[in-house]
Amino acid sequence: MTWPSHLLWCGYKQRLGAPRWAAPRVLLGCASQCSGLVEQLRAVAIAERAELDEKRSAPVEGDRLDEGCQKLESLIQIAKAFYDRNVAEVKRLRRALAVEREEAIAEREKAEEVADELKRQHALFDTLEVRACTCIQQVDDCETELAHRKEAAIMCHEEAARTTRIGSSGPP
């Protein structure tokens, strides 16, 4: 029994280690070819069965036709099994891709949330930085004012001390 070349090619391509992402296209192509092959074999089997029924009168021919129909039916069953296996593989790959897609979407949404939080924190940091600069400026201004007042107080104290010395050293 020889396999149709496109059936061998699909299995051969997978055994060669074709990239996993290429498998659905190959499988879909093989699946559609298998589906067509199943239908062709089914039509041939029906035609053979009809011929067999006509030639039932000739015992030798009928036996040979029965054997041919059995071979065709076994080929149909093999092709159908191959087709079903390919369809199941395509469905499995689609489910796996859907899961990967959902995970990627969830990761992207999480990354967007993190980015938004970072933007919010950056804006808050900028606000706090401006406020800190303002506070530092106010402290610098207060220190300058304090230094002036301290200087003025020292001058007043010295003036008062001079006045007190002058007043006490004056006429008794």
N, C-alpha and C. Protein backbone atom coordinates (compact mmCIF):
# COMPACT_ATOMS: atom_id res chain seq x y z
N MET A 1 0.86 -1.18 0.00
CA MET A 1 0.00 0.00 0.00
C MET A 1 0.90 1.23 0.00
N THR A 2 0.67 2.16 -0.92
CA THR A 2 1.47 3.39 -0.98
C THR A 2 0.61 4.55 -0.52
N TRP A 3 1.26 5.49 0.17
CA TRP A 3 0.58 6.67 0.68
C TRP A 3 0.60 7.76 -0.38
N PRO A 4 -0.47 8.54 -0.47
CA PRO A 4 -0.44 9.68 -1.39
C PRO A 4 0.68 10.63 -0.97
N SER A 5 1.30 11.24 -1.95
CA SER A 5 2.51 12.05 -1.69
C SER A 5 2.24 13.21 -0.74
N HIS A 6 1.06 13.85 -0.82
CA HIS A 6 0.81 14.99 0.07
C HIS A 6 0.64 14.54 1.52
N LEU A 7 0.19 13.31 1.75
CA LEU A 7 0.10 12.82 3.12
C LEU A 7 1.49 12.56 3.69
N LEU A 8 2.35 11.96 2.86
CA LEU A 8 3.72 11.73 3.31
C LEU A 8 4.43 13.04 3.57
N TRP A 9 4.21 14.02 2.72
CA TRP A 9 4.90 15.31 2.86
C TRP A 9 4.54 15.99 4.17
N CYS A 10 3.25 15.96 4.57
CA CYS A 10 2.84 16.61 5.81
C CYS A 10 3.53 15.98 7.01
N GLY A 11 3.54 14.65 7.07
CA GLY A 11 4.20 13.98 8.17
C GLY A 11 5.70 14.20 8.12
N TYR A 12 6.28 14.16 6.92
CA TYR A 12 7.71 14.36 6.75
C TYR A 12 8.11 15.75 7.20
N LYS A 13 7.33 16.75 6.84
CA LYS A 13 7.62 18.15 7.21
C LYS A 13 7.61 18.30 8.73
N GLN A 14 6.66 17.65 9.40
CA GLN A 14 6.60 17.75 10.85
C GLN A 14 7.77 17.03 11.49
N ARG A 15 8.18 15.87 10.92
CA ARG A 15 9.32 15.15 11.50
C ARG A 15 10.61 15.93 11.31
N LEU A 16 10.71 16.76 10.29
CA LEU A 16 11.92 17.55 10.07
C LEU A 16 12.06 18.67 11.07
N GLY A 17 11.07 18.89 11.89
CA GLY A 17 11.17 19.93 12.91
C GLY A 17 10.75 21.28 12.37
N ALA A 18 9.67 21.32 11.63
CA ALA A 18 9.16 22.60 11.12
C ALA A 18 8.83 23.49 12.29
N PRO A 19 9.00 24.81 12.13
CA PRO A 19 8.70 25.72 13.25
C PRO A 19 7.28 25.51 13.74
N ARG A 20 7.08 25.60 15.04
CA ARG A 20 5.78 25.34 15.66
C ARG A 20 4.72 26.30 15.12
N TRP A 21 5.09 27.54 14.86
CA TRP A 21 4.09 28.50 14.38
C TRP A 21 3.65 28.20 12.97
N ALA A 22 4.46 27.44 12.21
CA ALA A 22 4.10 27.12 10.84
C ALA A 22 3.17 25.92 10.78
N ALA A 23 3.09 25.16 11.88
CA ALA A 23 2.31 23.94 11.88
C ALA A 23 0.84 24.15 11.53
N PRO A 24 0.14 25.17 12.06
CA PRO A 24 -1.28 25.29 11.73
C PRO A 24 -1.52 25.43 10.23
N ARG A 25 -0.66 26.18 9.53
CA ARG A 25 -0.86 26.33 8.08
C ARG A 25 -0.64 25.01 7.38
N VAL A 26 0.40 24.30 7.80
CA VAL A 26 0.69 23.01 7.19
C VAL A 26 -0.45 22.06 7.50
N LEU A 27 -0.87 22.06 8.76
CA LEU A 27 -1.94 21.14 9.16
C LEU A 27 -3.25 21.48 8.46
N LEU A 28 -3.55 22.76 8.33
CA LEU A 28 -4.78 23.14 7.64
C LEU A 28 -4.72 22.71 6.19
N GLY A 29 -3.55 22.88 5.56
CA GLY A 29 -3.39 22.44 4.17
C GLY A 29 -3.55 20.95 4.07
N CYS A 30 -2.90 20.22 4.97
CA CYS A 30 -3.01 18.75 4.97
C CYS A 30 -4.44 18.33 5.29
N ALA A 31 -5.05 19.04 6.24
CA ALA A 31 -6.41 18.69 6.64
C ALA A 31 -7.37 18.87 5.47
N SER A 32 -7.22 19.96 4.73
CA SER A 32 -8.13 20.19 3.60
C SER A 32 -7.86 19.18 2.49
N GLN A 33 -6.57 18.83 2.30
CA GLN A 33 -6.25 17.83 1.30
C GLN A 33 -6.80 16.47 1.72
N CYS A 34 -6.67 16.18 3.02
CA CYS A 34 -7.18 14.90 3.53
C CYS A 34 -8.69 14.84 3.40
N SER A 35 -9.33 15.95 3.68
CA SER A 35 -10.78 15.99 3.56
C SER A 35 -11.19 15.70 2.13
N GLY A 36 -10.49 16.33 1.18
CA GLY A 36 -10.78 16.07 -0.23
C GLY A 36 -10.49 14.63 -0.60
N LEU A 37 -9.38 14.11 -0.08
CA LEU A 37 -9.00 12.72 -0.35
C LEU A 37 -10.04 11.77 0.23
N VAL A 38 -10.51 12.06 1.44
CA VAL A 38 -11.54 11.21 2.04
C VAL A 38 -12.78 11.19 1.17
N GLU A 39 -13.17 12.35 0.70
CA GLU A 39 -14.37 12.42 -0.16
C GLU A 39 -14.14 11.67 -1.47
N GLN A 40 -12.95 11.80 -2.07
CA GLN A 40 -12.66 11.09 -3.32
C GLN A 40 -12.67 9.58 -3.09
N LEU A 41 -12.02 9.16 -1.99
CA LEU A 41 -11.99 7.73 -1.70
C LEU A 41 -13.39 7.19 -1.41
N ARG A 42 -14.19 8.00 -0.73
CA ARG A 42 -15.56 7.59 -0.44
C ARG A 42 -16.36 7.43 -1.75
N ALA A 43 -16.15 8.39 -2.67
CA ALA A 43 -16.85 8.31 -3.96
C ALA A 43 -16.39 7.07 -4.75
N VAL A 44 -15.08 6.80 -4.71
CA VAL A 44 -14.56 5.62 -5.41
C VAL A 44 -15.13 4.36 -4.77
N ALA A 45 -15.19 4.34 -3.42
CA ALA A 45 -15.72 3.17 -2.74
C ALA A 45 -17.18 2.95 -3.10
N ILE A 46 -17.94 4.02 -3.18
CA ILE A 46 -19.37 3.90 -3.56
C ILE A 46 -19.48 3.38 -4.98
N ALA A 47 -18.64 3.92 -5.88
CA ALA A 47 -18.66 3.46 -7.28
C ALA A 47 -18.26 1.99 -7.36
N GLU A 48 -17.21 1.61 -6.61
CA GLU A 48 -16.77 0.22 -6.60
C GLU A 48 -17.87 -0.69 -6.06
N ARG A 49 -18.55 -0.21 -5.01
CA ARG A 49 -19.63 -1.01 -4.42
C ARG A 49 -20.73 -1.22 -5.46
N ALA A 50 -21.04 -0.15 -6.21
CA ALA A 50 -22.08 -0.27 -7.23
C ALA A 50 -21.66 -1.28 -8.31
N GLU A 51 -20.40 -1.21 -8.73
CA GLU A 51 -19.91 -2.17 -9.73
C GLU A 51 -19.93 -3.58 -9.17
N LEU A 52 -19.57 -3.69 -7.91
CA LEU A 52 -19.56 -4.99 -7.27
C LEU A 52 -20.95 -5.60 -7.26
N ASP A 53 -21.94 -4.78 -6.93
CA ASP A 53 -23.31 -5.28 -6.91
C ASP A 53 -23.75 -5.76 -8.30
N GLU A 54 -23.28 -5.05 -9.33
CA GLU A 54 -23.63 -5.45 -10.71
C GLU A 54 -22.94 -6.74 -11.10
N LYS A 55 -21.73 -6.93 -10.60
CA LYS A 55 -20.95 -8.08 -11.05
C LYS A 55 -21.01 -9.23 -10.05
N ARG A 56 -21.95 -9.24 -9.16
CA ARG A 56 -22.07 -10.30 -8.17
C ARG A 56 -22.29 -11.66 -8.87
N SER A 57 -22.76 -11.61 -10.09
CA SER A 57 -23.03 -12.85 -10.79
C SER A 57 -21.74 -13.61 -11.11
N ALA A 58 -20.64 -12.89 -11.33
CA ALA A 58 -19.36 -13.54 -11.60
C ALA A 58 -18.61 -13.71 -10.29
N PRO A 59 -18.48 -14.93 -9.75
CA PRO A 59 -17.92 -15.12 -8.43
C PRO A 59 -16.46 -14.67 -8.31
N VAL A 60 -15.62 -14.91 -9.29
CA VAL A 60 -14.22 -14.54 -9.21
C VAL A 60 -14.08 -13.02 -9.23
N GLU A 61 -14.77 -12.39 -10.14
CA GLU A 61 -14.74 -10.92 -10.23
C GLU A 61 -15.30 -10.29 -8.95
N GLY A 62 -16.33 -10.85 -8.41
CA GLY A 62 -16.95 -10.32 -7.20
C GLY A 62 -16.01 -10.37 -6.01
N ASP A 63 -15.26 -11.49 -5.89
CA ASP A 63 -14.31 -11.60 -4.79
C ASP A 63 -13.21 -10.54 -4.92
N ARG A 64 -12.73 -10.37 -6.15
CA ARG A 64 -11.68 -9.37 -6.37
C ARG A 64 -12.21 -7.97 -6.09
N LEU A 65 -13.43 -7.71 -6.50
CA LEU A 65 -14.03 -6.40 -6.23
C LEU A 65 -14.27 -6.20 -4.74
N ASP A 66 -14.71 -7.26 -4.05
CA ASP A 66 -14.88 -7.15 -2.59
C ASP A 66 -13.55 -6.80 -1.93
N GLU A 67 -12.49 -7.47 -2.37
CA GLU A 67 -11.17 -7.18 -1.82
C GLU A 67 -10.76 -5.74 -2.11
N GLY A 68 -11.04 -5.27 -3.32
CA GLY A 68 -10.72 -3.88 -3.69
C GLY A 68 -11.51 -2.89 -2.85
N CYS A 69 -12.79 -3.19 -2.63
CA CYS A 69 -13.62 -2.30 -1.81
C CYS A 69 -13.12 -2.27 -0.38
N GLN A 70 -12.72 -3.41 0.14
CA GLN A 70 -12.19 -3.46 1.51
C GLN A 70 -10.91 -2.62 1.60
N LYS A 71 -10.06 -2.73 0.59
CA LYS A 71 -8.83 -1.93 0.59
C LYS A 71 -9.17 -0.44 0.55
N LEU A 72 -10.13 -0.10 -0.30
CA LEU A 72 -10.52 1.31 -0.39
C LEU A 72 -11.12 1.79 0.93
N GLU A 73 -11.93 0.98 1.56
CA GLU A 73 -12.53 1.36 2.83
C GLU A 73 -11.45 1.52 3.91
N SER A 74 -10.46 0.65 3.89
CA SER A 74 -9.37 0.80 4.88
C SER A 74 -8.58 2.07 4.59
N LEU A 75 -8.37 2.39 3.31
CA LEU A 75 -7.70 3.65 2.96
C LEU A 75 -8.52 4.84 3.43
N ILE A 76 -9.81 4.77 3.28
CA ILE A 76 -10.69 5.85 3.73
C ILE A 76 -10.58 6.00 5.24
N GLN A 77 -10.57 4.89 5.96
CA GLN A 77 -10.46 4.95 7.42
C GLN A 77 -9.12 5.55 7.83
N ILE A 78 -8.04 5.18 7.15
CA ILE A 78 -6.71 5.72 7.47
C ILE A 78 -6.68 7.23 7.19
N ALA A 79 -7.21 7.62 6.04
CA ALA A 79 -7.24 9.04 5.69
C ALA A 79 -8.10 9.83 6.67
N LYS A 80 -9.22 9.25 7.08
CA LYS A 80 -10.09 9.91 8.05
C LYS A 80 -9.39 10.07 9.39
N ALA A 81 -8.68 9.03 9.83
CA ALA A 81 -7.95 9.11 11.10
C ALA A 81 -6.87 10.18 11.02
N PHE A 82 -6.17 10.24 9.90
CA PHE A 82 -5.14 11.25 9.71
C PHE A 82 -5.76 12.65 9.74
N TYR A 83 -6.87 12.80 9.04
CA TYR A 83 -7.58 14.08 9.00
C TYR A 83 -8.04 14.48 10.41
N ASP A 84 -8.65 13.54 11.14
CA ASP A 84 -9.13 13.83 12.49
C ASP A 84 -7.98 14.22 13.41
N ARG A 85 -6.84 13.53 13.29
CA ARG A 85 -5.68 13.86 14.11
C ARG A 85 -5.18 15.27 13.79
N ASN A 86 -5.15 15.62 12.51
CA ASN A 86 -4.71 16.97 12.12
C ASN A 86 -5.68 18.04 12.63
N VAL A 87 -6.95 17.77 12.55
CA VAL A 87 -7.95 18.73 13.04
C VAL A 87 -7.80 18.90 14.55
N ALA A 88 -7.58 17.80 15.26
CA ALA A 88 -7.39 17.89 16.71
C ALA A 88 -6.14 18.70 17.04
N GLU A 89 -5.07 18.51 16.27
CA GLU A 89 -3.84 19.27 16.50
C GLU A 89 -4.05 20.76 16.25
N VAL A 90 -4.78 21.08 15.19
CA VAL A 90 -5.07 22.49 14.90
C VAL A 90 -5.90 23.10 16.02
N LYS A 91 -6.88 22.38 16.52
CA LYS A 91 -7.70 22.89 17.63
C LYS A 91 -6.85 23.10 18.88
N ARG A 92 -5.95 22.15 19.18
CA ARG A 92 -5.07 22.27 20.33
C ARG A 92 -4.17 23.50 20.20
N LEU A 93 -3.62 23.69 19.00
CA LEU A 93 -2.75 24.85 18.77
C LEU A 93 -3.54 26.16 18.88
N ARG A 94 -4.75 26.18 18.39
CA ARG A 94 -5.58 27.38 18.51
C ARG A 94 -5.86 27.71 19.97
N ARG A 95 -6.17 26.66 20.78
CA ARG A 95 -6.41 26.90 22.21
C ARG A 95 -5.15 27.43 22.88
N ALA A 96 -4.01 26.86 22.54
CA ALA A 96 -2.74 27.32 23.14
C ALA A 96 -2.45 28.76 22.74
N LEU A 97 -2.69 29.10 21.49
CA LEU A 97 -2.48 30.47 21.04
C LEU A 97 -3.45 31.44 21.71
N ALA A 98 -4.67 30.99 21.92
CA ALA A 98 -5.65 31.86 22.60
C ALA A 98 -5.22 32.12 24.04
N VAL A 99 -4.70 31.10 24.71
CA VAL A 99 -4.21 31.28 26.08
C VAL A 99 -3.03 32.24 26.10
N GLU A 100 -2.09 32.05 25.16
CA GLU A 100 -0.93 32.94 25.08
C GLU A 100 -1.38 34.38 24.81
N ARG A 101 -2.37 34.54 23.94
CA ARG A 101 -2.87 35.87 23.62
C ARG A 101 -3.48 36.53 24.85
N GLU A 102 -4.28 35.77 25.61
CA GLU A 102 -4.89 36.30 26.83
C GLU A 102 -3.82 36.69 27.84
N GLU A 103 -2.79 35.86 27.97
CA GLU A 103 -1.70 36.19 28.90
C GLU A 103 -0.97 37.46 28.46
N ALA A 104 -0.73 37.59 27.16
CA ALA A 104 -0.05 38.78 26.65
C ALA A 104 -0.90 40.03 26.88
N ILE A 105 -2.20 39.92 26.70
CA ILE A 105 -3.09 41.06 26.93
C ILE A 105 -3.06 41.43 28.40
N ALA A 106 -3.11 40.43 29.29
CA ALA A 106 -3.07 40.71 30.73
C ALA A 106 -1.75 41.37 31.12
N GLU A 107 -0.65 40.89 30.56
CA GLU A 107 0.66 41.49 30.86
C GLU A 107 0.72 42.93 30.35
N ARG A 108 0.17 43.17 29.15
CA ARG A 108 0.18 44.52 28.61
C ARG A 108 -0.65 45.46 29.48
N GLU A 109 -1.83 45.00 29.92
CA GLU A 109 -2.66 45.83 30.79
C GLU A 109 -1.96 46.11 32.12
N LYS A 110 -1.28 45.11 32.65
CA LYS A 110 -0.54 45.30 33.91
C LYS A 110 0.58 46.31 33.70
N ALA A 111 1.28 46.20 32.58
CA ALA A 111 2.37 47.15 32.27
C ALA A 111 1.82 48.57 32.11
N GLU A 112 0.65 48.69 31.49
CA GLU A 112 0.04 50.02 31.35
C GLU A 112 -0.33 50.59 32.72
N GLU A 113 -0.84 49.75 33.61
CA GLU A 113 -1.18 50.21 34.96
C GLU A 113 0.07 50.66 35.70
N VAL A 114 1.14 49.91 35.58
CA VAL A 114 2.40 50.27 36.23
C VAL A 114 2.92 51.59 35.66
N ALA A 115 2.83 51.74 34.34
CA ALA A 115 3.29 52.98 33.70
C ALA A 115 2.46 54.17 34.18
N ASP A 116 1.15 53.99 34.29
CA ASP A 116 0.29 55.07 34.80
C ASP A 116 0.65 55.43 36.24
N GLU A 117 0.90 54.41 37.05
CA GLU A 117 1.29 54.66 38.45
C GLU A 117 2.63 55.40 38.50
N LEU A 118 3.56 55.01 37.65
CA LEU A 118 4.85 55.71 37.62
C LEU A 118 4.68 57.17 37.18
N LYS A 119 3.81 57.42 36.22
CA LYS A 119 3.55 58.80 35.79
C LYS A 119 2.95 59.60 36.94
N ARG A 120 2.02 58.98 37.67
CA ARG A 120 1.40 59.66 38.79
C ARG A 120 2.43 59.96 39.87
N GLN A 121 3.29 59.00 40.17
CA GLN A 121 4.32 59.21 41.18
C GLN A 121 5.33 60.26 40.73
N HIS A 122 5.64 60.29 39.44
CA HIS A 122 6.57 61.29 38.92
C HIS A 122 5.98 62.69 39.05
N ALA A 123 4.70 62.82 38.75
CA ALA A 123 4.04 64.12 38.89
C ALA A 123 4.03 64.53 40.37
N LEU A 124 3.75 63.60 41.26
CA LEU A 124 3.77 63.88 42.69
C LEU A 124 5.17 64.28 43.14
N PHE A 125 6.18 63.58 42.65
CA PHE A 125 7.56 63.92 42.97
C PHE A 125 7.90 65.33 42.51
N ASP A 126 7.48 65.68 41.28
CA ASP A 126 7.72 67.04 40.78
C ASP A 126 7.07 68.08 41.68
N THR A 127 5.83 67.81 42.11
CA THR A 127 5.12 68.73 43.00
C THR A 127 5.87 68.87 44.32
N LEU A 128 6.30 67.75 44.89
CA LEU A 128 7.03 67.79 46.15
C LEU A 128 8.38 68.49 46.00
N GLU A 129 9.01 68.31 44.86
CA GLU A 129 10.29 68.96 44.61
C GLU A 129 10.12 70.48 44.56
N VAL A 130 9.07 70.95 43.90
CA VAL A 130 8.80 72.39 43.84
C VAL A 130 8.51 72.91 45.24
N ARG A 131 7.72 72.16 46.01
CA ARG A 131 7.39 72.58 47.37
C ARG A 131 8.64 72.61 48.25
N ALA A 132 9.52 71.60 48.08
CA ALA A 132 10.76 71.56 48.86
C ALA A 132 11.65 72.75 48.50
N CYS A 133 11.73 73.08 47.22
CA CYS A 133 12.53 74.24 46.80
C CYS A 133 11.96 75.52 47.41
N THR A 134 10.64 75.63 47.44
CA THR A 134 10.00 76.80 48.03
C THR A 134 10.30 76.87 49.53
N CYS A 135 10.22 75.73 50.21
CA CYS A 135 10.53 75.69 51.64
C CYS A 135 11.99 76.05 51.89
N ILE A 136 12.89 75.54 51.07
CA ILE A 136 14.31 75.85 51.22
C ILE A 136 14.53 77.35 51.04
N GLN A 137 13.86 77.92 50.06
CA GLN A 137 13.98 79.37 49.82
C GLN A 137 13.45 80.14 51.02
N GLN A 138 12.33 79.69 51.58
CA GLN A 138 11.77 80.36 52.76
C GLN A 138 12.73 80.25 53.95
N VAL A 139 13.34 79.09 54.14
CA VAL A 139 14.31 78.92 55.23
C VAL A 139 15.50 79.84 55.01
N ASP A 140 15.99 79.91 53.76
CA ASP A 140 17.11 80.81 53.46
C ASP A 140 16.72 82.26 53.76
N ASP A 141 15.50 82.64 53.37
CA ASP A 141 15.02 84.00 53.64
C ASP A 141 14.93 84.24 55.15
N CYS A 142 14.41 83.25 55.88
CA CYS A 142 14.29 83.38 57.34
C CYS A 142 15.68 83.49 57.98
N GLU A 143 16.63 82.69 57.52
CA GLU A 143 17.98 82.75 58.06
C GLU A 143 18.61 84.12 57.80
N THR A 144 18.39 84.65 56.60
CA THR A 144 18.91 85.98 56.28
C THR A 144 18.27 87.01 57.18
N GLU A 145 16.95 86.93 57.34
CA GLU A 145 16.21 87.86 58.21
C GLU A 145 16.71 87.73 59.64
N LEU A 146 16.91 86.49 60.10
CA LEU A 146 17.40 86.25 61.45
C LEU A 146 18.80 86.83 61.64
N ALA A 147 19.64 86.66 60.63
CA ALA A 147 20.99 87.22 60.71
C ALA A 147 20.93 88.74 60.81
N HIS A 148 20.04 89.37 60.02
CA HIS A 148 19.88 90.84 60.08
C HIS A 148 19.37 91.26 61.45
N ARG A 149 18.39 90.53 61.98
CA ARG A 149 17.84 90.88 63.29
C ARG A 149 18.89 90.68 64.40
N LYS A 150 19.65 89.59 64.25
CA LYS A 150 20.69 89.33 65.23
C LYS A 150 21.73 90.46 65.21
N GLU A 151 22.09 90.85 64.01
CA GLU A 151 23.04 91.96 63.84
C GLU A 151 22.46 93.24 64.43
N ALA A 152 21.17 93.49 64.16
CA ALA A 152 20.51 94.68 64.70
C ALA A 152 20.44 94.60 66.22
N ALA A 153 20.17 93.41 66.77
CA ALA A 153 20.09 93.24 68.22
C ALA A 153 21.45 93.48 68.85
N ILE A 154 22.49 92.97 68.20
CA ILE A 154 23.85 93.18 68.73
C ILE A 154 24.16 94.67 68.71
N MET A 155 23.82 95.33 67.65
CA MET A 155 24.08 96.77 67.56
C MET A 155 23.28 97.52 68.62
N CYS A 156 22.02 97.11 68.83
CA CYS A 156 21.20 97.75 69.86
C CYS A 156 21.79 97.48 71.23
N HIS A 157 22.22 96.29 71.46
CA HIS A 157 22.81 95.93 72.73
C HIS A 157 24.10 96.72 72.97
N GLU A 158 24.92 96.83 71.94
CA GLU A 158 26.15 97.61 72.06
C GLU A 158 25.82 99.08 72.30
N GLU A 159 24.85 99.59 71.61
CA GLU A 159 24.43 101.00 71.78
C GLU A 159 23.92 101.21 73.19
N ALA A 160 23.14 100.25 73.70
CA ALA A 160 22.60 100.37 75.05
C ALA A 160 23.74 100.29 76.06
N ALA A 161 24.69 99.41 75.78
CA ALA A 161 25.83 99.30 76.70
C ALA A 161 26.65 100.58 76.66
N ARG A 162 26.86 101.17 75.55
CA ARG A 162 27.59 102.43 75.44
C ARG A 162 26.83 103.54 76.15
N THR A 163 25.56 103.58 75.96
CA THR A 163 24.75 104.60 76.60
C THR A 163 24.79 104.41 78.10
N THR A 164 24.72 103.23 78.56
CA THR A 164 24.78 102.96 79.99
C THR A 164 26.14 103.32 80.51
N ARG A 165 27.17 103.07 79.84
CA ARG A 165 28.52 103.45 80.27
C ARG A 165 28.68 104.95 80.27
N ILE A 166 28.19 105.57 79.30
CA ILE A 166 28.28 107.04 79.23
C ILE A 166 27.46 107.62 80.38
N GLY A 167 26.32 107.10 80.61
CA GLY A 167 25.43 107.62 81.66
C GLY A 167 26.03 107.32 83.03
N SER A 168 26.66 106.27 83.23
CA SER A 168 27.23 105.97 84.54
C SER A 168 28.58 106.63 84.70
N SER A 169 29.27 106.96 83.71
CA SER A 169 30.56 107.64 83.84
C SER A 169 30.35 109.14 83.82
N GLY A 170 29.21 109.61 83.71
CA GLY A 170 28.93 111.03 83.65
C GLY A 170 28.92 111.67 85.04
N PRO A 171 28.47 112.90 85.15
CA PRO A 171 28.50 113.59 86.42
C PRO A 171 27.70 112.84 87.46
N PRO A 172 28.27 112.78 88.64
CA PRO A 172 27.59 112.05 89.69
C PRO A 172 26.52 112.84 90.33
